[in-house]
Each structure stands twice: as structure tokens, then as C-alpha cells.
Full PDB file with SEQRES, HELIX, SHEET, SSBOND, CRYST1, ORIGX, SCALE, CONECT and MASTER records, all heavy atoms in Angstrom:
SEQRES   1 A   35  ILE ALA ARG LEU ALA ASP SER ALA GLU VAL VAL VAL GLY          
SEQRES   2 A   35  MET PRO VAL PRO ASN ALA ARG VAL PHE VAL LEU ASP GLU          
SEQRES   3 A   35  ALA LEU ARG PRO VAL PRO VAL GLY VAL                          
HELIX    1 AA1 LEU A    4  ASP A    6  5                                   3    
CRYST1    1.000    1.000    1.000  90.00  90.00  90.00 P 1           1          
ORIGX1      1.000000  0.000000  0.000000        0.00000                         
ORIGX2      0.000000  1.000000  0.000000        0.00000                         
ORIGX3      0.000000  0.000000  1.000000        0.00000                         
SCALE1      1.000000  0.000000  0.000000        0.00000                         
SCALE2      0.000000  1.000000  0.000000        0.00000                         
SCALE3      0.000000  0.000000  1.000000        0.00000                         
ATOM      1  N   ILE A   1     -37.561  37.902 -13.218  1.00  0.00           N  
ATOM      2  CA  ILE A   1     -36.461  37.265 -13.842  1.00  0.00           C  
ATOM      3  C   ILE A   1     -35.219  38.065 -13.578  1.00  0.00           C  
ATOM      4  O   ILE A   1     -35.248  39.375 -13.542  1.00  0.00           O  
ATOM      5  CB  ILE A   1     -36.597  37.208 -15.420  1.00  0.00           C  
ATOM      6  CG1 ILE A   1     -37.799  36.385 -15.802  1.00  0.00           C  
ATOM      7  CG2 ILE A   1     -35.350  36.645 -16.042  1.00  0.00           C  
ATOM      8  CD1 ILE A   1     -38.129  36.340 -17.268  1.00  0.00           C  
ATOM      9  N   ALA A   2     -34.159  37.388 -13.206  1.00  0.00           N  
ATOM     10  CA  ALA A   2     -32.877  38.092 -12.934  1.00  0.00           C  
ATOM     11  C   ALA A   2     -31.786  37.622 -13.928  1.00  0.00           C  
ATOM     12  O   ALA A   2     -31.755  36.505 -14.322  1.00  0.00           O  
ATOM     13  CB  ALA A   2     -32.387  37.729 -11.553  1.00  0.00           C  
ATOM     14  N   ARG A   3     -30.991  38.671 -14.435  1.00  0.00           N  
ATOM     15  CA  ARG A   3     -29.916  38.363 -15.254  1.00  0.00           C  
ATOM     16  C   ARG A   3     -28.700  38.291 -14.296  1.00  0.00           C  
ATOM     17  O   ARG A   3     -28.471  39.141 -13.474  1.00  0.00           O  
ATOM     18  CB  ARG A   3     -29.564  39.497 -16.173  1.00  0.00           C  
ATOM     19  CG  ARG A   3     -30.594  39.654 -17.326  1.00  0.00           C  
ATOM     20  CD  ARG A   3     -30.234  40.820 -18.197  1.00  0.00           C  
ATOM     21  NE  ARG A   3     -31.230  41.084 -19.167  1.00  0.00           N  
ATOM     22  CZ  ARG A   3     -31.274  40.563 -20.515  1.00  0.00           C  
ATOM     23  NH1 ARG A   3     -30.243  39.813 -20.838  1.00  0.00           N  
ATOM     24  NH2 ARG A   3     -32.229  40.850 -21.349  1.00  0.00           N  
ATOM     25  N   LEU A   4     -28.057  37.065 -14.276  1.00  0.00           N  
ATOM     26  CA  LEU A   4     -27.063  36.974 -13.285  1.00  0.00           C  
ATOM     27  C   LEU A   4     -25.925  37.918 -13.376  1.00  0.00           C  
ATOM     28  O   LEU A   4     -25.249  38.213 -12.378  1.00  0.00           O  
ATOM     29  CB  LEU A   4     -26.455  35.471 -13.415  1.00  0.00           C  
ATOM     30  CG  LEU A   4     -27.253  34.314 -12.614  1.00  0.00           C  
ATOM     31  CD1 LEU A   4     -28.626  34.160 -13.104  1.00  0.00           C  
ATOM     32  CD2 LEU A   4     -26.466  32.970 -12.698  1.00  0.00           C  
ATOM     33  N   ALA A   5     -25.652  38.339 -14.570  1.00  0.00           N  
ATOM     34  CA  ALA A   5     -24.551  39.386 -14.750  1.00  0.00           C  
ATOM     35  C   ALA A   5     -24.811  40.653 -14.058  1.00  0.00           C  
ATOM     36  O   ALA A   5     -23.895  41.414 -13.825  1.00  0.00           O  
ATOM     37  CB  ALA A   5     -24.376  39.577 -16.298  1.00  0.00           C  
ATOM     38  N   ASP A   6     -26.112  40.994 -13.753  1.00  0.00           N  
ATOM     39  CA  ASP A   6     -26.472  42.281 -13.161  1.00  0.00           C  
ATOM     40  C   ASP A   6     -26.295  42.351 -11.638  1.00  0.00           C  
ATOM     41  O   ASP A   6     -26.428  43.460 -11.086  1.00  0.00           O  
ATOM     42  CB  ASP A   6     -27.914  42.575 -13.558  1.00  0.00           C  
ATOM     43  CG  ASP A   6     -28.091  42.846 -15.110  1.00  0.00           C  
ATOM     44  OD1 ASP A   6     -27.065  43.118 -15.745  1.00  0.00           O  
ATOM     45  OD2 ASP A   6     -29.209  42.768 -15.554  1.00  0.00           O  
ATOM     46  N   SER A   7     -26.085  41.192 -11.093  1.00  0.00           N  
ATOM     47  CA  SER A   7     -26.047  41.157  -9.563  1.00  0.00           C  
ATOM     48  C   SER A   7     -25.038  40.151  -8.931  1.00  0.00           C  
ATOM     49  O   SER A   7     -25.104  39.006  -9.350  1.00  0.00           O  
ATOM     50  CB  SER A   7     -27.340  40.904  -8.968  1.00  0.00           C  
ATOM     51  OG  SER A   7     -27.401  40.864  -7.496  1.00  0.00           O  
ATOM     52  N   ALA A   8     -24.172  40.606  -8.082  1.00  0.00           N  
ATOM     53  CA  ALA A   8     -23.241  39.644  -7.567  1.00  0.00           C  
ATOM     54  C   ALA A   8     -24.049  38.859  -6.388  1.00  0.00           C  
ATOM     55  O   ALA A   8     -23.583  37.838  -6.008  1.00  0.00           O  
ATOM     56  CB  ALA A   8     -22.039  40.435  -6.889  1.00  0.00           C  
ATOM     57  N   GLU A   9     -25.090  39.487  -5.914  1.00  0.00           N  
ATOM     58  CA  GLU A   9     -25.917  38.910  -4.864  1.00  0.00           C  
ATOM     59  C   GLU A   9     -26.914  38.041  -5.504  1.00  0.00           C  
ATOM     60  O   GLU A   9     -27.381  38.301  -6.593  1.00  0.00           O  
ATOM     61  CB  GLU A   9     -26.632  39.955  -4.099  1.00  0.00           C  
ATOM     62  CG  GLU A   9     -27.533  39.419  -2.997  1.00  0.00           C  
ATOM     63  CD  GLU A   9     -28.331  40.577  -2.294  1.00  0.00           C  
ATOM     64  OE1 GLU A   9     -28.271  41.658  -2.784  1.00  0.00           O  
ATOM     65  OE2 GLU A   9     -29.028  40.236  -1.345  1.00  0.00           O  
ATOM     66  N   VAL A  10     -27.214  36.958  -4.892  1.00  0.00           N  
ATOM     67  CA  VAL A  10     -28.235  35.959  -5.422  1.00  0.00           C  
ATOM     68  C   VAL A  10     -29.588  36.681  -5.243  1.00  0.00           C  
ATOM     69  O   VAL A  10     -30.156  37.066  -4.140  1.00  0.00           O  
ATOM     70  CB  VAL A  10     -28.294  34.668  -4.662  1.00  0.00           C  
ATOM     71  CG1 VAL A  10     -29.498  33.879  -5.136  1.00  0.00           C  
ATOM     72  CG2 VAL A  10     -27.032  33.975  -4.907  1.00  0.00           C  
ATOM     73  N   VAL A  11     -30.236  37.025  -6.408  1.00  0.00           N  
ATOM     74  CA  VAL A  11     -31.625  37.697  -6.349  1.00  0.00           C  
ATOM     75  C   VAL A  11     -32.539  36.813  -7.312  1.00  0.00           C  
ATOM     76  O   VAL A  11     -32.128  36.065  -8.163  1.00  0.00           O  
ATOM     77  CB  VAL A  11     -31.461  39.108  -6.828  1.00  0.00           C  
ATOM     78  CG1 VAL A  11     -30.683  39.930  -5.908  1.00  0.00           C  
ATOM     79  CG2 VAL A  11     -30.966  39.215  -8.246  1.00  0.00           C  
ATOM     80  N   VAL A  12     -33.890  37.065  -7.082  1.00  0.00           N  
ATOM     81  CA  VAL A  12     -34.842  36.461  -8.075  1.00  0.00           C  
ATOM     82  C   VAL A  12     -35.230  37.502  -9.148  1.00  0.00           C  
ATOM     83  O   VAL A  12     -36.022  37.206 -10.033  1.00  0.00           O  
ATOM     84  CB  VAL A  12     -36.096  35.980  -7.361  1.00  0.00           C  
ATOM     85  CG1 VAL A  12     -35.638  34.698  -6.470  1.00  0.00           C  
ATOM     86  CG2 VAL A  12     -36.775  36.921  -6.576  1.00  0.00           C  
ATOM     87  N   GLY A  13     -34.723  38.726  -8.977  1.00  0.00           N  
ATOM     88  CA  GLY A  13     -34.874  39.745 -10.095  1.00  0.00           C  
ATOM     89  C   GLY A  13     -35.973  40.775 -10.048  1.00  0.00           C  
ATOM     90  O   GLY A  13     -36.511  40.984  -9.019  1.00  0.00           O  
ATOM     91  N   MET A  14     -36.196  41.299 -11.083  1.00  0.00           N  
ATOM     92  CA  MET A  14     -37.201  42.348 -11.287  1.00  0.00           C  
ATOM     93  C   MET A  14     -38.524  41.753 -11.917  1.00  0.00           C  
ATOM     94  O   MET A  14     -38.473  40.809 -12.649  1.00  0.00           O  
ATOM     95  CB  MET A  14     -36.683  43.441 -12.226  1.00  0.00           C  
ATOM     96  CG  MET A  14     -35.520  44.220 -11.610  1.00  0.00           C  
ATOM     97  SD  MET A  14     -34.979  45.634 -12.710  1.00  0.00           S  
ATOM     98  CE  MET A  14     -33.732  46.307 -11.729  1.00  0.00           C  
ATOM     99  N   PRO A  15     -39.689  42.436 -11.683  1.00  0.00           N  
ATOM    100  CA  PRO A  15     -40.868  41.848 -12.083  1.00  0.00           C  
ATOM    101  C   PRO A  15     -40.926  41.826 -13.674  1.00  0.00           C  
ATOM    102  O   PRO A  15     -40.402  42.650 -14.280  1.00  0.00           O  
ATOM    103  CB  PRO A  15     -41.916  42.893 -11.586  1.00  0.00           C  
ATOM    104  CG  PRO A  15     -41.350  43.455 -10.390  1.00  0.00           C  
ATOM    105  CD  PRO A  15     -39.794  43.492 -10.662  1.00  0.00           C  
ATOM    106  N   VAL A  16     -41.520  40.732 -14.182  1.00  0.00           N  
ATOM    107  CA  VAL A  16     -41.629  40.619 -15.637  1.00  0.00           C  
ATOM    108  C   VAL A  16     -42.632  41.687 -16.177  1.00  0.00           C  
ATOM    109  O   VAL A  16     -43.464  42.284 -15.487  1.00  0.00           O  
ATOM    110  CB  VAL A  16     -42.095  39.148 -15.964  1.00  0.00           C  
ATOM    111  CG1 VAL A  16     -41.126  38.229 -15.510  1.00  0.00           C  
ATOM    112  CG2 VAL A  16     -43.534  38.876 -15.418  1.00  0.00           C  
ATOM    113  N   PRO A  17     -42.638  41.815 -17.493  1.00  0.00           N  
ATOM    114  CA  PRO A  17     -43.676  42.798 -18.108  1.00  0.00           C  
ATOM    115  C   PRO A  17     -45.020  42.354 -17.814  1.00  0.00           C  
ATOM    116  O   PRO A  17     -45.371  41.108 -17.671  1.00  0.00           O  
ATOM    117  CB  PRO A  17     -43.322  42.716 -19.617  1.00  0.00           C  
ATOM    118  CG  PRO A  17     -41.923  42.234 -19.723  1.00  0.00           C  
ATOM    119  CD  PRO A  17     -41.712  41.389 -18.523  1.00  0.00           C  
ATOM    120  N   ASN A  18     -45.993  43.296 -17.629  1.00  0.00           N  
ATOM    121  CA  ASN A  18     -47.367  43.161 -17.368  1.00  0.00           C  
ATOM    122  C   ASN A  18     -47.648  42.466 -15.980  1.00  0.00           C  
ATOM    123  O   ASN A  18     -48.767  41.877 -15.750  1.00  0.00           O  
ATOM    124  CB  ASN A  18     -48.009  42.198 -18.460  1.00  0.00           C  
ATOM    125  CG  ASN A  18     -47.973  42.802 -19.803  1.00  0.00           C  
ATOM    126  OD1 ASN A  18     -48.075  44.063 -20.054  1.00  0.00           O  
ATOM    127  ND2 ASN A  18     -47.566  42.030 -20.800  1.00  0.00           N  
ATOM    128  N   ALA A  19     -46.725  42.575 -15.021  1.00  0.00           N  
ATOM    129  CA  ALA A  19     -46.895  42.121 -13.744  1.00  0.00           C  
ATOM    130  C   ALA A  19     -46.708  43.302 -12.770  1.00  0.00           C  
ATOM    131  O   ALA A  19     -45.736  44.128 -12.928  1.00  0.00           O  
ATOM    132  CB  ALA A  19     -45.931  40.982 -13.388  1.00  0.00           C  
ATOM    133  N   ARG A  20     -47.516  43.367 -11.582  1.00  0.00           N  
ATOM    134  CA  ARG A  20     -47.247  44.226 -10.544  1.00  0.00           C  
ATOM    135  C   ARG A  20     -46.990  43.408  -9.313  1.00  0.00           C  
ATOM    136  O   ARG A  20     -47.732  42.483  -9.066  1.00  0.00           O  
ATOM    137  CB  ARG A  20     -48.397  45.197 -10.337  1.00  0.00           C  
ATOM    138  CG  ARG A  20     -48.512  46.291 -11.461  1.00  0.00           C  
ATOM    139  CD  ARG A  20     -49.567  47.311 -11.076  1.00  0.00           C  
ATOM    140  NE  ARG A  20     -50.778  46.639 -11.080  1.00  0.00           N  
ATOM    141  CZ  ARG A  20     -51.800  47.060 -10.219  1.00  0.00           C  
ATOM    142  NH1 ARG A  20     -51.539  48.156  -9.393  1.00  0.00           N  
ATOM    143  NH2 ARG A  20     -52.998  46.535 -10.230  1.00  0.00           N  
ATOM    144  N   VAL A  21     -45.944  43.765  -8.556  1.00  0.00           N  
ATOM    145  CA  VAL A  21     -45.542  42.889  -7.458  1.00  0.00           C  
ATOM    146  C   VAL A  21     -45.598  43.833  -6.221  1.00  0.00           C  
ATOM    147  O   VAL A  21     -45.109  44.959  -6.159  1.00  0.00           O  
ATOM    148  CB  VAL A  21     -44.155  42.399  -7.640  1.00  0.00           C  
ATOM    149  CG1 VAL A  21     -43.665  41.741  -6.359  1.00  0.00           C  
ATOM    150  CG2 VAL A  21     -44.192  41.419  -8.896  1.00  0.00           C  
ATOM    151  N   PHE A  22     -46.098  43.320  -5.050  1.00  0.00           N  
ATOM    152  CA  PHE A  22     -46.243  43.957  -3.783  1.00  0.00           C  
ATOM    153  C   PHE A  22     -45.677  43.060  -2.754  1.00  0.00           C  
ATOM    154  O   PHE A  22     -45.758  41.829  -2.688  1.00  0.00           O  
ATOM    155  CB  PHE A  22     -47.715  44.278  -3.405  1.00  0.00           C  
ATOM    156  CG  PHE A  22     -48.327  45.103  -4.472  1.00  0.00           C  
ATOM    157  CD1 PHE A  22     -49.395  44.452  -5.271  1.00  0.00           C  
ATOM    158  CD2 PHE A  22     -48.206  46.466  -4.605  1.00  0.00           C  
ATOM    159  CE1 PHE A  22     -50.102  45.142  -6.169  1.00  0.00           C  
ATOM    160  CE2 PHE A  22     -48.886  47.165  -5.624  1.00  0.00           C  
ATOM    161  CZ  PHE A  22     -49.888  46.524  -6.443  1.00  0.00           C  
ATOM    162  N   VAL A  23     -44.781  43.736  -1.829  1.00  0.00           N  
ATOM    163  CA  VAL A  23     -44.263  43.047  -0.664  1.00  0.00           C  
ATOM    164  C   VAL A  23     -44.950  43.640   0.492  1.00  0.00           C  
ATOM    165  O   VAL A  23     -44.783  44.808   0.886  1.00  0.00           O  
ATOM    166  CB  VAL A  23     -42.740  43.198  -0.561  1.00  0.00           C  
ATOM    167  CG1 VAL A  23     -42.255  42.364   0.643  1.00  0.00           C  
ATOM    168  CG2 VAL A  23     -42.050  42.758  -1.894  1.00  0.00           C  
ATOM    169  N   LEU A  24     -45.799  42.868   1.158  1.00  0.00           N  
ATOM    170  CA  LEU A  24     -46.714  43.350   2.156  1.00  0.00           C  
ATOM    171  C   LEU A  24     -46.579  42.608   3.540  1.00  0.00           C  
ATOM    172  O   LEU A  24     -46.096  41.517   3.604  1.00  0.00           O  
ATOM    173  CB  LEU A  24     -48.130  43.164   1.704  1.00  0.00           C  
ATOM    174  CG  LEU A  24     -48.561  43.688   0.286  1.00  0.00           C  
ATOM    175  CD1 LEU A  24     -49.946  43.325  -0.055  1.00  0.00           C  
ATOM    176  CD2 LEU A  24     -48.305  45.186   0.183  1.00  0.00           C  
ATOM    177  N   ASP A  25     -47.021  43.382   4.615  1.00  0.00           N  
ATOM    178  CA  ASP A  25     -46.982  42.724   5.856  1.00  0.00           C  
ATOM    179  C   ASP A  25     -48.299  42.034   6.123  1.00  0.00           C  
ATOM    180  O   ASP A  25     -49.074  42.003   5.276  1.00  0.00           O  
ATOM    181  CB  ASP A  25     -46.734  43.860   6.985  1.00  0.00           C  
ATOM    182  CG  ASP A  25     -47.768  44.838   7.086  1.00  0.00           C  
ATOM    183  OD1 ASP A  25     -48.904  44.715   6.488  1.00  0.00           O  
ATOM    184  OD2 ASP A  25     -47.513  45.967   7.698  1.00  0.00           O  
ATOM    185  N   GLU A  26     -48.596  41.581   7.283  1.00  0.00           N  
ATOM    186  CA  GLU A  26     -49.760  40.831   7.645  1.00  0.00           C  
ATOM    187  C   GLU A  26     -51.059  41.610   7.485  1.00  0.00           C  
ATOM    188  O   GLU A  26     -52.139  41.069   7.286  1.00  0.00           O  
ATOM    189  CB  GLU A  26     -49.645  40.190   9.048  1.00  0.00           C  
ATOM    190  CG  GLU A  26     -48.640  39.115   9.090  1.00  0.00           C  
ATOM    191  CD  GLU A  26     -48.504  38.516  10.527  1.00  0.00           C  
ATOM    192  OE1 GLU A  26     -49.275  39.046  11.495  1.00  0.00           O  
ATOM    193  OE2 GLU A  26     -47.759  37.625  10.745  1.00  0.00           O  
ATOM    194  N   ALA A  27     -50.922  42.931   7.532  1.00  0.00           N  
ATOM    195  CA  ALA A  27     -52.114  43.829   7.443  1.00  0.00           C  
ATOM    196  C   ALA A  27     -52.216  44.377   5.964  1.00  0.00           C  
ATOM    197  O   ALA A  27     -52.960  45.307   5.667  1.00  0.00           O  
ATOM    198  CB  ALA A  27     -52.015  45.041   8.378  1.00  0.00           C  
ATOM    199  N   LEU A  28     -51.535  43.713   5.007  1.00  0.00           N  
ATOM    200  CA  LEU A  28     -51.457  44.113   3.614  1.00  0.00           C  
ATOM    201  C   LEU A  28     -51.009  45.577   3.406  1.00  0.00           C  
ATOM    202  O   LEU A  28     -51.471  46.221   2.493  1.00  0.00           O  
ATOM    203  CB  LEU A  28     -52.881  43.972   2.989  1.00  0.00           C  
ATOM    204  CG  LEU A  28     -53.478  42.544   3.018  1.00  0.00           C  
ATOM    205  CD1 LEU A  28     -54.869  42.507   2.204  1.00  0.00           C  
ATOM    206  CD2 LEU A  28     -52.561  41.608   2.387  1.00  0.00           C  
ATOM    207  N   ARG A  29     -50.010  45.928   4.192  1.00  0.00           N  
ATOM    208  CA  ARG A  29     -49.358  47.240   4.104  1.00  0.00           C  
ATOM    209  C   ARG A  29     -48.014  47.031   3.407  1.00  0.00           C  
ATOM    210  O   ARG A  29     -47.209  46.101   3.788  1.00  0.00           O  
ATOM    211  CB  ARG A  29     -49.257  47.981   5.411  1.00  0.00           C  
ATOM    212  CG  ARG A  29     -50.515  48.350   6.068  1.00  0.00           C  
ATOM    213  CD  ARG A  29     -50.339  48.840   7.393  1.00  0.00           C  
ATOM    214  NE  ARG A  29     -49.725  47.824   8.339  1.00  0.00           N  
ATOM    215  CZ  ARG A  29     -49.640  47.858   9.598  1.00  0.00           C  
ATOM    216  NH1 ARG A  29     -50.251  48.838  10.307  1.00  0.00           N  
ATOM    217  NH2 ARG A  29     -48.997  46.941  10.288  1.00  0.00           N  
ATOM    218  N   PRO A  30     -47.546  47.853   2.439  1.00  0.00           N  
ATOM    219  CA  PRO A  30     -46.211  47.698   1.866  1.00  0.00           C  
ATOM    220  C   PRO A  30     -45.176  47.873   2.927  1.00  0.00           C  
ATOM    221  O   PRO A  30     -45.215  48.700   3.822  1.00  0.00           O  
ATOM    222  CB  PRO A  30     -46.167  48.860   0.834  1.00  0.00           C  
ATOM    223  CG  PRO A  30     -47.615  49.151   0.510  1.00  0.00           C  
ATOM    224  CD  PRO A  30     -48.326  48.952   1.821  1.00  0.00           C  
ATOM    225  N   VAL A  31     -44.110  47.014   2.880  1.00  0.00           N  
ATOM    226  CA  VAL A  31     -42.981  47.083   3.772  1.00  0.00           C  
ATOM    227  C   VAL A  31     -41.846  47.907   3.104  1.00  0.00           C  
ATOM    228  O   VAL A  31     -41.780  48.011   2.017  1.00  0.00           O  
ATOM    229  CB  VAL A  31     -42.487  45.787   4.224  1.00  0.00           C  
ATOM    230  CG1 VAL A  31     -43.557  44.896   4.843  1.00  0.00           C  
ATOM    231  CG2 VAL A  31     -41.933  44.944   3.004  1.00  0.00           C  
ATOM    232  N   PRO A  32     -40.991  48.472   4.005  1.00  0.00           N  
ATOM    233  CA  PRO A  32     -39.953  49.334   3.342  1.00  0.00           C  
ATOM    234  C   PRO A  32     -38.848  48.454   2.665  1.00  0.00           C  
ATOM    235  O   PRO A  32     -38.846  47.224   2.846  1.00  0.00           O  
ATOM    236  CB  PRO A  32     -39.329  49.945   4.698  1.00  0.00           C  
ATOM    237  CG  PRO A  32     -40.298  49.852   5.775  1.00  0.00           C  
ATOM    238  CD  PRO A  32     -41.126  48.626   5.458  1.00  0.00           C  
ATOM    239  N   VAL A  33     -38.096  49.120   1.818  1.00  0.00           N  
ATOM    240  CA  VAL A  33     -36.978  48.406   1.074  1.00  0.00           C  
ATOM    241  C   VAL A  33     -36.108  47.792   2.191  1.00  0.00           C  
ATOM    242  O   VAL A  33     -35.763  48.428   3.284  1.00  0.00           O  
ATOM    243  CB  VAL A  33     -36.217  49.383   0.310  1.00  0.00           C  
ATOM    244  CG1 VAL A  33     -34.908  48.784  -0.200  1.00  0.00           C  
ATOM    245  CG2 VAL A  33     -37.068  49.945  -0.883  1.00  0.00           C  
ATOM    246  N   GLY A  34     -35.757  46.517   1.977  1.00  0.00           N  
ATOM    247  CA  GLY A  34     -34.800  45.823   2.888  1.00  0.00           C  
ATOM    248  C   GLY A  34     -35.515  45.041   3.999  1.00  0.00           C  
ATOM    249  O   GLY A  34     -34.829  44.317   4.723  1.00  0.00           O  
ATOM    250  N   VAL A  35     -36.944  45.185   4.090  1.00  0.00           N  
ATOM    251  CA  VAL A  35     -37.626  44.486   5.096  1.00  0.00           C  
ATOM    252  C   VAL A  35     -38.363  43.317   4.500  1.00  0.00           C  
ATOM    253  O   VAL A  35     -38.962  43.545   3.424  1.00  0.00           O  
ATOM    254  CB  VAL A  35     -38.585  45.376   5.777  1.00  0.00           C  
ATOM    255  CG1 VAL A  35     -39.443  44.657   6.706  1.00  0.00           C  
ATOM    256  CG2 VAL A  35     -37.810  46.514   6.579  1.00  0.00           C  
TER     257      VAL A  35                                                      
MASTER        0    0    0    1    0    0    0    6  256    1    0    3          
END                                                                             
């Protein structure tokens, strides 16, 4: 969930409570910030 007031850029926000989120490549490895 994103609070629109918190970002001038269009974002989908930060993970909700009780959720863990991973951004992974095709080998299930975490990608760096911005990738």
C-alpha cells in the first residue's frame, strides 16, 4: 500500500503487515535496488 502523500513518484508502496516480499531474477536470486 502506498500513501500518495509520501511519494511524488508513482509507486505501489511498501509491503503490508505480515507480508514478506522478494524481487528476484530468473534464478530466484534477489536483484539490487533499482533493478
